[in-house]
N, C-alpha and C. Protein backbone atom coordinates (compact mmCIF):
# COMPACT_ATOMS: atom_id res chain seq x y z
N LEU A 1 3.78 20.98 20.41
CA LEU A 1 4.43 19.67 20.86
C LEU A 1 4.70 18.51 20.53
N ASN A 2 3.25 18.55 19.39
CA ASN A 2 3.33 17.11 18.25
C ASN A 2 4.17 17.47 17.21
N THR A 3 4.51 18.40 16.75
CA THR A 3 5.13 19.26 15.12
C THR A 3 6.77 19.30 15.97
N VAL A 4 6.78 19.27 16.99
CA VAL A 4 8.34 19.02 17.26
C VAL A 4 8.88 17.75 17.43
N CYS A 5 7.83 17.05 18.36
CA CYS A 5 7.85 15.78 18.20
C CYS A 5 8.11 14.51 16.80
N GLY A 6 7.53 14.86 15.85
CA GLY A 6 7.15 14.31 14.59
C GLY A 6 8.45 15.26 13.69
N GLN A 7 8.30 16.27 14.04
CA GLN A 7 10.53 16.46 13.35
C GLN A 7 11.56 16.01 14.02
N ILE A 8 11.53 15.96 14.92
CA ILE A 8 12.72 14.58 15.82
C ILE A 8 12.46 13.60 15.19
N GLN A 9 11.39 13.00 15.10
CA GLN A 9 10.85 11.41 14.57
C GLN A 9 11.36 11.60 13.09
N GLY A 10 11.18 12.46 12.65
CA GLY A 10 11.71 12.31 10.97
C GLY A 10 13.24 12.11 10.96
N LEU A 11 13.97 12.64 11.55
CA LEU A 11 14.89 12.72 11.60
C LEU A 11 15.64 11.21 11.75
N THR A 12 15.11 10.62 12.36
CA THR A 12 15.40 9.33 12.22
C THR A 12 15.34 8.39 11.31
N GLN A 13 16.57 8.01 10.56
CA GLN A 13 16.52 6.84 9.22
C GLN A 13 15.97 6.00 9.54
N THR A 14 14.50 5.57 9.65
CA THR A 14 14.18 4.33 9.21
C THR A 14 12.96 4.59 8.57
N GLU A 15 12.93 3.23 7.54
CA GLU A 15 12.66 3.21 6.38
C GLU A 15 10.82 2.38 6.34
N ASP A 16 10.00 2.43 7.68
CA ASP A 16 9.08 1.85 8.19
C ASP A 16 7.70 2.89 7.26
N LEU A 17 6.91 2.08 6.51
CA LEU A 17 5.95 3.10 6.38
C LEU A 17 4.90 3.55 7.22
N SER A 18 4.81 2.44 8.50
CA SER A 18 4.07 2.96 9.25
C SER A 18 4.66 4.40 10.11
N ALA A 19 6.10 4.04 10.57
CA ALA A 19 6.57 5.56 11.22
C ALA A 19 6.73 6.49 10.21
N TYR A 20 6.38 6.44 9.27
CA TYR A 20 6.74 8.00 8.59
C TYR A 20 4.91 8.48 8.48
N ILE A 21 4.22 7.56 8.46
CA ILE A 21 2.78 8.27 8.09
C ILE A 21 2.62 8.68 10.11
N GLN A 22 3.24 7.68 11.32
CA GLN A 22 3.26 8.58 12.17
C GLN A 22 3.66 9.99 12.24
N THR A 23 4.96 10.02 11.75
CA THR A 23 5.66 11.18 11.64
C THR A 23 4.79 12.70 10.98
N ILE A 24 4.06 12.46 9.40
CA ILE A 24 3.75 13.51 9.46
C ILE A 24 2.52 13.22 9.45
N LEU A 25 1.75 12.65 10.60
CA LEU A 25 0.83 13.07 11.35
C LEU A 25 1.02 14.01 11.93
N LEU A 26 2.41 13.39 13.01
CA LEU A 26 2.81 14.25 13.98
C LEU A 26 2.93 15.62 13.72
N LYS A 27 3.93 15.41 12.35
CA LYS A 27 4.29 17.15 12.10
C LYS A 27 2.82 17.81 11.51
N THR A 28 2.76 17.84 10.43
CA THR A 28 1.72 18.35 9.04
C THR A 28 0.73 18.18 10.08
N GLY A 29 0.55 16.69 9.63
CA GLY A 29 -0.82 16.54 10.66
C GLY A 29 -1.65 17.23 11.86
N SER A 30 -0.62 17.64 12.52
CA SER A 30 -1.09 18.01 13.69
C SER A 30 -1.21 19.76 13.93
N LEU A 31 -0.29 20.07 12.80
CA LEU A 31 -0.44 21.52 12.73
C LEU A 31 -1.64 21.83 12.22
N MET A 32 -2.05 20.70 11.47
CA MET A 32 -3.51 21.25 10.45
C MET A 32 -4.40 21.39 11.65
N SER A 33 -4.34 20.04 12.57
CA SER A 33 -5.53 19.71 13.46
C SER A 33 -5.99 20.97 14.18
N VAL A 34 -4.68 21.45 14.80
CA VAL A 34 -4.81 22.46 15.68
C VAL A 34 -5.27 23.87 15.30
N SER A 35 -4.38 24.19 13.91
CA SER A 35 -5.52 25.18 12.97
C SER A 35 -6.46 25.27 13.03
N CYS A 36 -7.26 23.77 12.65
CA CYS A 36 -8.72 24.14 12.21
C CYS A 36 -9.76 23.71 13.78
N LYS A 37 -9.09 23.26 14.37
CA LYS A 37 -9.91 23.07 15.53
C LYS A 37 -10.04 24.12 16.64
N LEU A 38 -8.74 24.78 16.05
CA LEU A 38 -9.14 26.53 16.49
C LEU A 38 -9.85 27.30 15.60
N GLY A 39 -10.09 26.99 14.96
CA GLY A 39 -10.47 27.72 14.27
C GLY A 39 -12.28 27.83 14.45
N ALA A 40 -12.19 26.18 14.57
CA ALA A 40 -13.98 25.95 15.31
C ALA A 40 -14.17 26.56 16.66
N MET A 41 -13.37 26.56 16.80
CA MET A 41 -13.17 27.25 18.88
C MET A 41 -13.45 28.28 18.56
N LEU A 42 -12.73 29.53 17.49
CA LEU A 42 -13.33 30.76 17.58
C LEU A 42 -14.58 31.01 17.06
N ALA A 43 -15.20 30.24 15.77
CA ALA A 43 -15.85 29.83 15.10
C ALA A 43 -17.41 30.08 16.49
N LYS A 44 -17.44 29.32 17.97
CA LYS A 44 -17.75 29.35 18.94
C LYS A 44 -18.49 28.18 18.72
N ALA A 45 -18.33 26.71 17.76
CA ALA A 45 -18.65 25.38 17.49
C ALA A 45 -18.68 25.10 18.54
N ASN A 46 -19.74 23.85 18.97
CA ASN A 46 -19.67 22.74 19.95
C ASN A 46 -18.68 22.01 19.96
N PRO A 47 -18.14 21.45 21.44
CA PRO A 47 -16.67 20.32 21.28
C PRO A 47 -16.68 19.01 20.47
N LYS A 48 -18.05 18.74 19.97
CA LYS A 48 -18.35 17.51 19.24
C LYS A 48 -17.49 18.31 17.56
N LEU A 49 -18.04 19.16 17.22
CA LEU A 49 -17.41 19.89 15.95
C LEU A 49 -16.39 20.32 15.79
N CYS A 50 -15.98 20.99 17.07
CA CYS A 50 -14.16 20.99 16.76
C CYS A 50 -13.67 20.43 16.79
N GLY A 51 -13.90 18.17 17.50
CA GLY A 51 -13.17 17.73 17.61
C GLY A 51 -12.81 17.38 16.21
N VAL A 52 -14.09 17.35 15.42
CA VAL A 52 -14.65 17.07 13.77
C VAL A 52 -13.52 17.53 13.20
N ALA A 53 -13.68 18.97 13.40
CA ALA A 53 -12.20 19.97 12.87
C ALA A 53 -11.17 19.33 13.13
N ALA A 54 -10.94 18.54 13.89
CA ALA A 54 -9.33 18.70 14.39
C ALA A 54 -8.98 17.20 13.53
N GLU A 55 -10.05 16.45 12.77
CA GLU A 55 -9.81 15.57 12.37
C GLU A 55 -9.75 15.39 11.43
N LEU A 56 -10.52 16.37 10.74
CA LEU A 56 -10.64 16.97 8.94
C LEU A 56 -8.87 17.86 8.62
N GLY A 57 -8.70 18.42 9.84
CA GLY A 57 -7.15 19.22 9.79
C GLY A 57 -5.94 17.61 9.88
N SER A 58 -6.36 17.17 9.73
CA SER A 58 -4.90 15.75 10.46
C SER A 58 -5.09 15.27 9.09
N ASN A 59 -5.94 15.02 8.42
CA ASN A 59 -6.08 14.22 7.65
C ASN A 59 -5.69 15.20 6.35
N LEU A 60 -6.48 16.33 6.53
CA LEU A 60 -5.79 17.72 5.54
C LEU A 60 -3.87 17.41 5.52
N GLY A 61 -3.87 17.59 6.34
CA GLY A 61 -2.23 17.77 6.87
C GLY A 61 -1.34 16.68 5.78
N ILE A 62 -2.16 15.15 6.10
CA ILE A 62 -1.44 14.73 6.13
C ILE A 62 -1.27 14.10 4.69
N ALA A 63 -2.43 14.49 3.79
CA ALA A 63 -2.82 14.59 2.19
C ALA A 63 -1.91 15.46 1.65
N PHE A 64 -1.80 16.54 2.48
CA PHE A 64 -0.81 17.82 2.22
C PHE A 64 0.69 17.18 1.57
N GLN A 65 1.13 16.44 2.98
CA GLN A 65 2.38 16.18 3.32
C GLN A 65 2.48 14.90 2.07
N LEU A 66 1.99 14.05 2.00
CA LEU A 66 2.01 13.15 0.72
C LEU A 66 2.10 14.12 -0.81
N ALA A 67 1.53 15.11 -0.40
CA ALA A 67 2.00 15.86 -2.01
C ALA A 67 2.76 16.34 -2.26
N ASP A 68 3.06 17.03 -0.97
CA ASP A 68 4.96 17.71 -0.95
C ASP A 68 6.34 16.82 -1.46
N ASP A 69 5.83 15.66 -0.42
CA ASP A 69 6.82 14.50 -0.92
C ASP A 69 6.70 14.24 -1.83
N TRP A 70 5.69 14.36 -2.81
CA TRP A 70 5.84 13.61 -4.30
C TRP A 70 6.43 14.85 -4.70
N LEU A 71 5.81 15.80 -5.31
CA LEU A 71 6.48 17.18 -5.36
C LEU A 71 8.04 17.06 -5.21
N ASP A 72 8.49 16.74 -4.61
CA ASP A 72 10.59 16.72 -4.01
C ASP A 72 11.21 16.11 -5.74
N PHE A 73 10.29 14.94 -6.13
CA PHE A 73 10.76 14.30 -7.36
C PHE A 73 10.71 15.28 -8.87
N PHE A 74 10.13 16.51 -8.94
CA PHE A 74 10.47 17.45 -9.40
C PHE A 74 11.28 18.46 -9.88
N PRO A 75 11.29 18.99 -11.23
CA PRO A 75 12.57 20.19 -11.45
C PRO A 75 12.50 21.65 -10.10
N SER A 76 12.92 22.22 -9.66
CA SER A 76 12.52 22.92 -8.62
C SER A 76 12.33 24.05 -9.54
N GLN A 77 11.95 24.40 -11.37
CA GLN A 77 11.26 25.54 -11.83
C GLN A 77 9.75 25.10 -12.37
N LEU A 78 9.51 24.24 -11.52
CA LEU A 78 8.38 23.17 -11.25
C LEU A 78 7.56 23.88 -9.92
N THR A 79 8.06 23.32 -8.97
CA THR A 79 7.87 23.37 -7.85
C THR A 79 8.37 24.48 -6.78
N GLY A 80 9.32 25.03 -7.29
CA GLY A 80 9.64 26.50 -6.31
C GLY A 80 10.55 26.08 -5.28
N LYS A 81 10.47 24.83 -4.73
CA LYS A 81 11.51 24.39 -3.70
C LYS A 81 12.47 22.83 -4.66
N ALA A 82 13.73 23.22 -3.88
CA ALA A 82 15.02 22.21 -3.99
C ALA A 82 14.35 20.85 -4.57
N MET A 83 15.06 20.16 -5.64
CA MET A 83 14.57 19.26 -6.38
C MET A 83 15.69 17.86 -5.11
N ALA A 84 14.09 16.85 -4.95
CA ALA A 84 15.33 15.87 -4.39
C ALA A 84 16.04 16.12 -3.56
N SER A 85 15.55 16.79 -2.02
CA SER A 85 15.98 17.20 -1.20
C SER A 85 15.72 16.13 -0.22
N ASP A 86 14.34 15.83 -0.30
CA ASP A 86 14.67 14.16 0.68
C ASP A 86 14.95 13.49 1.02
N LEU A 87 15.76 13.21 -0.58
CA LEU A 87 16.08 11.92 -1.12
C LEU A 87 18.08 12.18 -0.71
N ARG A 88 18.28 12.95 -0.79
CA ARG A 88 19.58 13.87 -0.65
C ARG A 88 20.15 13.68 0.91
N GLN A 89 18.98 14.32 1.82
CA GLN A 89 19.17 14.44 3.37
C GLN A 89 18.86 13.00 3.76
N GLY A 90 18.32 11.79 2.90
CA GLY A 90 17.99 10.48 3.60
C GLY A 90 16.70 10.45 4.07
N ASN A 91 15.54 11.37 3.81
CA ASN A 91 14.37 11.50 4.41
C ASN A 91 13.37 10.75 3.57
N PHE A 92 12.77 9.35 4.89
CA PHE A 92 12.32 7.95 3.80
C PHE A 92 10.93 9.12 3.45
N THR A 93 10.97 8.59 2.28
CA THR A 93 8.83 8.98 2.12
C THR A 93 8.28 8.24 1.26
N LEU A 94 6.74 8.06 1.53
CA LEU A 94 5.84 7.73 0.88
C LEU A 94 6.49 7.36 -1.15
N PRO A 95 6.44 8.50 -1.87
CA PRO A 95 7.42 7.83 -2.98
C PRO A 95 8.49 7.39 -3.34
N ILE A 96 9.35 7.30 -2.49
CA ILE A 96 10.93 6.52 -2.02
C ILE A 96 10.69 5.28 -1.62
N HIS A 97 9.68 4.91 -1.04
CA HIS A 97 9.34 3.46 0.08
C HIS A 97 8.65 2.37 -1.76
N PHE A 98 7.52 3.78 -2.30
CA PHE A 98 7.30 2.51 -3.80
C PHE A 98 8.24 2.45 -4.61
N TYR A 99 9.41 3.60 -4.43
CA TYR A 99 10.42 3.81 -5.65
C TYR A 99 11.25 2.16 -4.70
N THR A 100 12.13 1.99 -3.52
CA THR A 100 12.39 0.93 -3.18
C THR A 100 11.71 -0.42 -3.55
N GLU A 101 9.83 -0.42 -3.22
CA GLU A 101 9.49 -1.74 -4.18
C GLU A 101 9.46 -2.24 -5.38
N MET A 102 10.00 -1.03 -6.05
CA MET A 102 10.74 -1.76 -7.78
C MET A 102 11.91 -2.31 -8.15
N LEU A 103 12.78 -2.05 -7.11
CA LEU A 103 13.50 -2.30 -7.43
C LEU A 103 14.00 -3.74 -6.96
N SER A 104 14.90 -4.70 -7.66
CA SER A 104 15.30 -5.94 -7.50
C SER A 104 16.40 -5.85 -6.16
N GLY A 105 16.64 -6.59 -5.57
CA GLY A 105 17.40 -7.26 -4.47
C GLY A 105 18.69 -6.69 -4.14
N SER A 106 19.76 -6.48 -5.15
CA SER A 106 21.16 -5.69 -5.12
C SER A 106 20.59 -4.21 -5.75
N GLU A 107 19.92 -4.26 -6.35
CA GLU A 107 19.52 -2.33 -6.64
C GLU A 107 19.12 -2.20 -5.29
N LYS A 108 18.29 -2.44 -4.34
CA LYS A 108 17.48 -2.48 -3.61
C LYS A 108 18.57 -1.86 -2.33
N GLU A 109 19.43 -2.56 -2.04
CA GLU A 109 20.62 -3.09 -1.30
C GLU A 109 21.53 -1.93 -1.81
N ASN A 110 21.66 -1.66 -2.60
CA ASN A 110 23.15 -0.41 -2.95
C ASN A 110 21.88 0.51 -2.72
N PHE A 111 21.44 1.06 -3.34
CA PHE A 111 19.93 1.99 -2.78
C PHE A 111 19.62 2.84 -1.52
N HIS A 112 19.58 1.53 -0.61
CA HIS A 112 19.43 1.66 0.77
C HIS A 112 21.19 2.20 1.60
N GLN A 113 22.01 1.78 0.91
CA GLN A 113 23.54 2.66 1.53
C GLN A 113 23.64 3.73 0.96
N LYS A 114 22.93 4.04 -0.75
CA LYS A 114 23.48 5.91 -0.66
C LYS A 114 22.60 6.10 0.06
N PHE A 115 21.29 5.80 0.16
CA PHE A 115 20.20 6.50 0.69
C PHE A 115 20.56 7.06 2.58
N ILE A 116 20.94 5.62 3.10
CA ILE A 116 21.53 6.43 4.69
C ILE A 116 22.42 7.22 4.80
N SER A 117 23.19 7.00 3.87
CA SER A 117 24.59 8.24 4.13
C SER A 117 24.75 9.27 3.25
N GLY A 118 24.04 9.32 2.14
CA GLY A 118 23.67 10.30 1.30
C GLY A 118 24.72 10.54 0.65
N GLN A 119 24.83 9.68 -0.65
CA GLN A 119 25.82 9.84 -0.88
C GLN A 119 25.80 9.85 -2.42
N PHE A 120 23.92 10.02 -3.05
CA PHE A 120 24.29 9.86 -4.52
C PHE A 120 24.61 11.16 -4.96
N ASN A 121 25.32 10.46 -6.08
CA ASN A 121 25.94 11.87 -6.96
C ASN A 121 24.46 12.77 -7.94
N GLU A 122 25.23 13.10 -8.66
CA GLU A 122 23.55 14.07 -9.31
C GLU A 122 23.30 13.39 -10.33
N GLN A 123 24.24 12.41 -11.17
CA GLN A 123 23.37 11.74 -11.93
C GLN A 123 22.39 10.65 -11.60
N GLU A 124 22.94 9.69 -10.74
CA GLU A 124 21.70 9.04 -9.83
C GLU A 124 20.67 9.67 -9.10
N THR A 125 21.12 11.20 -8.65
CA THR A 125 19.72 11.77 -7.85
C THR A 125 19.12 12.38 -9.31
N LYS A 126 19.50 12.53 -9.88
CA LYS A 126 18.23 12.25 -11.59
C LYS A 126 17.51 11.70 -12.12
N HIS A 127 18.63 10.28 -11.87
CA HIS A 127 17.86 8.82 -12.52
C HIS A 127 16.38 8.75 -11.12
N VAL A 128 16.82 8.52 -10.27
CA VAL A 128 16.17 8.26 -8.99
C VAL A 128 14.50 8.74 -9.39
N CYS A 129 14.90 10.34 -8.97
CA CYS A 129 13.77 11.24 -9.45
C CYS A 129 12.89 11.15 -11.18
N GLU A 130 13.80 10.79 -12.17
CA GLU A 130 12.90 10.28 -13.05
C GLU A 130 12.29 9.51 -12.99
N ALA A 131 12.73 8.09 -12.40
CA ALA A 131 12.16 6.85 -12.74
C ALA A 131 11.27 6.89 -11.11
N VAL A 132 10.63 7.77 -10.83
CA VAL A 132 10.12 7.78 -9.82
C VAL A 132 8.41 8.66 -10.78
N ARG A 133 8.93 9.74 -11.45
CA ARG A 133 8.00 10.48 -11.85
C ARG A 133 7.91 9.53 -13.17
N CYS A 134 8.44 8.53 -13.81
CA CYS A 134 8.33 7.70 -15.02
C CYS A 134 7.32 6.56 -14.62
N SER A 135 6.75 6.10 -13.64
CA SER A 135 6.65 4.96 -13.01
C SER A 135 5.81 5.28 -12.57
N GLN A 136 4.79 3.76 -11.92
CA GLN A 136 3.17 3.68 -11.71
C GLN A 136 3.16 4.79 -10.23
N ILE A 137 4.03 5.18 -9.46
CA ILE A 137 4.37 5.69 -8.42
C ILE A 137 3.20 6.49 -8.47
N GLN A 138 3.41 7.54 -9.39
CA GLN A 138 1.58 8.88 -9.22
C GLN A 138 0.55 7.80 -8.92
N ASP A 139 -0.09 6.86 -9.58
CA ASP A 139 -1.11 6.30 -9.04
C ASP A 139 -1.49 5.63 -8.03
N LYS A 140 -0.34 5.35 -7.62
CA LYS A 140 0.05 4.72 -5.85
C LYS A 140 -0.06 5.85 -4.90
N MET A 141 0.67 6.77 -5.32
CA MET A 141 0.63 8.06 -4.31
C MET A 141 -1.13 8.51 -3.99
N LEU A 142 -1.85 8.99 -5.85
CA LEU A 142 -2.81 9.42 -5.48
C LEU A 142 -3.92 8.81 -4.87
N ASN A 143 -3.69 7.24 -4.97
CA ASN A 143 -4.57 6.79 -4.32
C ASN A 143 -4.36 6.71 -2.87
N PHE A 144 -3.47 6.87 -2.19
CA PHE A 144 -2.72 6.75 -0.69
C PHE A 144 -3.64 8.17 -0.66
N SER A 145 -3.32 9.14 -1.02
CA SER A 145 -3.58 10.48 -0.98
C SER A 145 -5.39 10.08 -0.69
N GLU A 146 -5.93 9.51 -1.68
CA GLU A 146 -7.35 10.04 -1.54
C GLU A 146 -8.39 9.11 -0.22
N LYS A 147 -7.22 8.47 0.17
CA LYS A 147 -7.31 7.85 1.37
C LYS A 147 -7.77 9.00 2.71
N TYR A 148 -7.33 9.96 2.42
CA TYR A 148 -7.07 10.56 3.56
C TYR A 148 -7.49 11.75 3.02
N LEU A 149 -7.89 12.07 2.22
CA LEU A 149 -8.97 12.87 1.32
C LEU A 149 -10.65 13.00 1.63
N GLY A 150 -10.69 11.17 1.41
CA GLY A 150 -12.23 10.96 1.76
C GLY A 150 -12.47 10.67 3.10
N LEU A 151 -11.42 11.00 4.34
CA LEU A 151 -11.63 10.55 5.72
C LEU A 151 -11.92 12.14 6.03
N ALA A 152 -10.83 13.07 5.15
CA ALA A 152 -11.48 15.31 5.45
C ALA A 152 -13.41 15.01 4.58
N GLN A 153 -13.29 14.00 3.84
CA GLN A 153 -14.50 15.00 3.16
C GLN A 153 -15.49 14.43 3.79
N LYS A 154 -14.90 13.57 4.65
CA LYS A 154 -16.56 12.55 5.91
C LYS A 154 -16.33 13.81 7.08
N SER A 155 -15.13 14.37 7.37
CA SER A 155 -15.72 15.22 8.66
C SER A 155 -16.04 16.63 8.06
N VAL A 156 -16.09 16.90 7.29
CA VAL A 156 -16.88 18.00 6.05
C VAL A 156 -18.44 18.22 6.64
N ALA A 157 -18.64 16.54 6.20
CA ALA A 157 -20.23 16.36 5.76
C ALA A 157 -21.10 16.46 7.08
N HIS A 158 -20.12 16.65 8.49
CA HIS A 158 -20.40 17.21 9.71
C HIS A 158 -20.89 18.82 9.96
N PHE A 159 -20.05 19.20 8.89
CA PHE A 159 -20.30 21.03 8.80
C PHE A 159 -21.55 21.56 8.63
N PRO A 160 -22.08 22.47 9.54
CA PRO A 160 -23.73 23.03 8.61
C PRO A 160 -23.52 23.71 7.49
N ASP A 161 -24.41 23.64 6.96
CA ASP A 161 -23.78 24.10 5.14
C ASP A 161 -23.60 25.94 5.20
N GLY A 162 -22.77 26.24 4.46
CA GLY A 162 -22.51 27.80 4.12
C GLY A 162 -21.61 27.56 3.33
N LEU A 163 -21.22 28.90 3.41
CA LEU A 163 -19.75 28.86 2.26
C LEU A 163 -18.58 28.33 2.86
N GLU A 164 -18.05 28.73 4.37
CA GLU A 164 -17.42 27.93 4.43
C GLU A 164 -16.85 26.61 4.31
N LYS A 165 -17.73 25.56 4.42
CA LYS A 165 -18.07 24.10 4.59
C LYS A 165 -17.77 23.90 2.77
N ARG A 166 -18.95 25.32 2.12
CA ARG A 166 -18.08 24.62 0.39
C ARG A 166 -16.51 24.97 -0.22
N LEU A 167 -16.14 25.74 0.89
CA LEU A 167 -14.85 26.77 0.48
C LEU A 167 -13.92 25.53 0.84
N VAL A 168 -13.95 24.72 1.83
CA VAL A 168 -13.18 23.13 2.38
C VAL A 168 -13.63 21.97 1.44
N GLU A 169 -14.85 21.54 0.46
CA GLU A 169 -14.84 20.82 0.29
C GLU A 169 -14.41 21.22 -1.04
N GLN A 170 -13.87 22.55 -1.67
CA GLN A 170 -13.47 22.67 -2.76
C GLN A 170 -12.29 22.52 -2.65
N LEU A 171 -11.61 22.99 -1.76
CA LEU A 171 -10.04 22.32 -0.83
C LEU A 171 -9.61 20.88 -1.23
N ILE A 172 -10.45 20.14 -0.91
CA ILE A 172 -10.16 18.69 -0.94
C ILE A 172 -10.26 18.23 -2.22
C-alpha cells in the first residue's frame, strides 16, 4: 500500500525536497523495508530485530533510489535505462533540486516552466544532463546518500555476526 501511495504522491509535480524524500521513502524505502522485515521474520528473528531489519530496508531503499535518480542523467548505453526520463516527465528528484540551486532567477523560472510542462527539446535535455554530470552535484548526491547508508550501517550493527551480516555490510 505504501508503495502505491508513494507512486501516486510522486505523480504530483511538487518541487519540495521533504515531499521528495517522503515519496521515495514510501516507494522504494517501503518496498525494501517490507522485504528485509519479511526476511528477518522468516529467519525467526525476534520482533526487535525484525524492526531493525525494516529500518535497514527503508534506508537502503532511499539510498538505492537516490542512486537511481542520479543515473537518470547518464547516457542509456551506460545505465541500460532511458536518459533523462525523470526530467522529461517532470518527476522532481534530488539531482534536479541541486541543479536548480545553481541557476539564476530567470534561468530557474525558465527551467521550472519547461520542467512542469515537459517541454524540453533534445538539445536542452542534453545540456541539463551534462550540466548535472559536470557539476558539484555528484558530491552533494554522495553526501546525501551517505546519510542513509550510515543509518543502514547502524541497523546492521544489531544483527548477529555471520555470513548474512557480512554480505549486507558489503552491500552498504
